[in-house]
Amino acid sequence: MSFILRVVLAAAGAVAALLVAPESDVFPVAQGMVAIALIAAVVVVAALWRRR
């Protein structure tokens, strides 16, 4: 579980770095928002995949 969280946060950090400067104060907030969006996207894809 820890490994999955690290991968998601690494991907979220890369995407958030495109949107906000990593040195800014809002970077952790942006990283968290992107991480939640990535997790939600994975859940939606998994739900749609099961419906087939």
C-alpha atoms as a PDB file:
ATOM      1  CA  MET A   1       0.000   0.000   0.000  1.00  0.00           C
ATOM      2  CA  SER A   2       2.832   2.384   0.804  1.00  0.00           C
ATOM      3  CA  PHE A   3       4.415   1.749  -2.589  1.00  0.00           C
ATOM      4  CA  ILE A   4       1.189   2.619  -4.412  1.00  0.00           C
ATOM      5  CA  LEU A   5       0.889   5.843  -2.425  1.00  0.00           C
ATOM      6  CA  ARG A   6       4.463   6.787  -3.283  1.00  0.00           C
ATOM      7  CA  VAL A   7       3.866   6.195  -6.996  1.00  0.00           C
ATOM      8  CA  VAL A   8       0.672   8.262  -6.961  1.00  0.00           C
ATOM      9  CA  LEU A   9       2.363  11.121  -5.085  1.00  0.00           C
ATOM     10  CA  ALA A  10       5.353  11.027  -7.435  1.00  0.00           C
ATOM     11  CA  ALA A  11       3.075  11.289 -10.446  1.00  0.00           C
ATOM     12  CA  ALA A  12       1.061  14.026  -8.734  1.00  0.00           C
ATOM     13  CA  GLY A  13       4.256  15.908  -7.952  1.00  0.00           C
ATOM     14  CA  ALA A  14       5.333  15.790 -11.574  1.00  0.00           C
ATOM     15  CA  VAL A  15       1.971  17.078 -12.793  1.00  0.00           C
ATOM     16  CA  ALA A  16       1.750  19.710 -10.057  1.00  0.00           C
ATOM     17  CA  ALA A  17       5.251  20.930 -10.946  1.00  0.00           C
ATOM     18  CA  LEU A  18       3.924  21.760 -14.404  1.00  0.00           C
ATOM     19  CA  LEU A  19       1.175  23.888 -12.870  1.00  0.00           C
ATOM     20  CA  VAL A  20       2.900  25.534  -9.880  1.00  0.00           C
ATOM     21  CA  ALA A  21       6.484  26.264  -8.909  1.00  0.00           C
ATOM     22  CA  PRO A  22       7.752  23.546  -6.536  1.00  0.00           C
ATOM     23  CA  GLU A  23       9.231  26.225  -4.266  1.00  0.00           C
ATOM     24  CA  SER A  24       5.887  27.961  -3.741  1.00  0.00           C
ATOM     25  CA  ASP A  25       3.838  27.599  -0.585  1.00  0.00           C
ATOM     26  CA  VAL A  26       0.845  26.139  -2.411  1.00  0.00           C
ATOM     27  CA  PHE A  27       2.772  23.267  -4.015  1.00  0.00           C
ATOM     28  CA  PRO A  28       1.760  20.661  -1.385  1.00  0.00           C
ATOM     29  CA  VAL A  29      -1.871  21.692  -1.793  1.00  0.00           C
ATOM     30  CA  ALA A  30      -1.637  21.418  -5.589  1.00  0.00           C
ATOM     31  CA  GLN A  31       0.117  18.058  -5.273  1.00  0.00           C
ATOM     32  CA  GLY A  32      -2.636  16.774  -2.987  1.00  0.00           C
ATOM     33  CA  MET A  33      -5.368  17.968  -5.336  1.00  0.00           C
ATOM     34  CA  VAL A  34      -3.694  16.300  -8.319  1.00  0.00           C
ATOM     35  CA  ALA A  35      -3.195  13.099  -6.299  1.00  0.00           C
ATOM     36  CA  ILE A  36      -6.907  13.006  -5.414  1.00  0.00           C
ATOM     37  CA  ALA A  37      -7.807  13.606  -9.069  1.00  0.00           C
ATOM     38  CA  LEU A  38      -5.499  10.764 -10.158  1.00  0.00           C
ATOM     39  CA  ILE A  39      -6.995   8.375  -7.606  1.00  0.00           C
ATOM     40  CA  ALA A  40     -10.519   9.372  -8.666  1.00  0.00           C
ATOM     41  CA  ALA A  41      -9.623   8.792 -12.316  1.00  0.00           C
ATOM     42  CA  VAL A  42      -8.280   5.323 -11.519  1.00  0.00           C
ATOM     43  CA  VAL A  43     -11.456   4.470  -9.596  1.00  0.00           C
ATOM     44  CA  VAL A  44     -13.666   5.671 -12.475  1.00  0.00           C
ATOM     45  CA  VAL A  45     -11.682   3.670 -15.021  1.00  0.00           C
ATOM     46  CA  ALA A  46     -11.854   0.566 -12.814  1.00  0.00           C
ATOM     47  CA  ALA A  47     -15.619   0.972 -12.368  1.00  0.00           C
ATOM     48  CA  LEU A  48     -16.192   1.417 -16.090  1.00  0.00           C
ATOM     49  CA  TRP A  49     -13.900  -1.500 -16.851  1.00  0.00           C
ATOM     50  CA  ARG A  50     -15.973  -3.809 -14.614  1.00  0.00           C
ATOM     51  CA  ARG A  51     -19.226  -2.746 -16.274  1.00  0.00           C
ATOM     52  CA  ARG A  52     -18.068  -4.212 -19.591  1.00  0.00           C
END
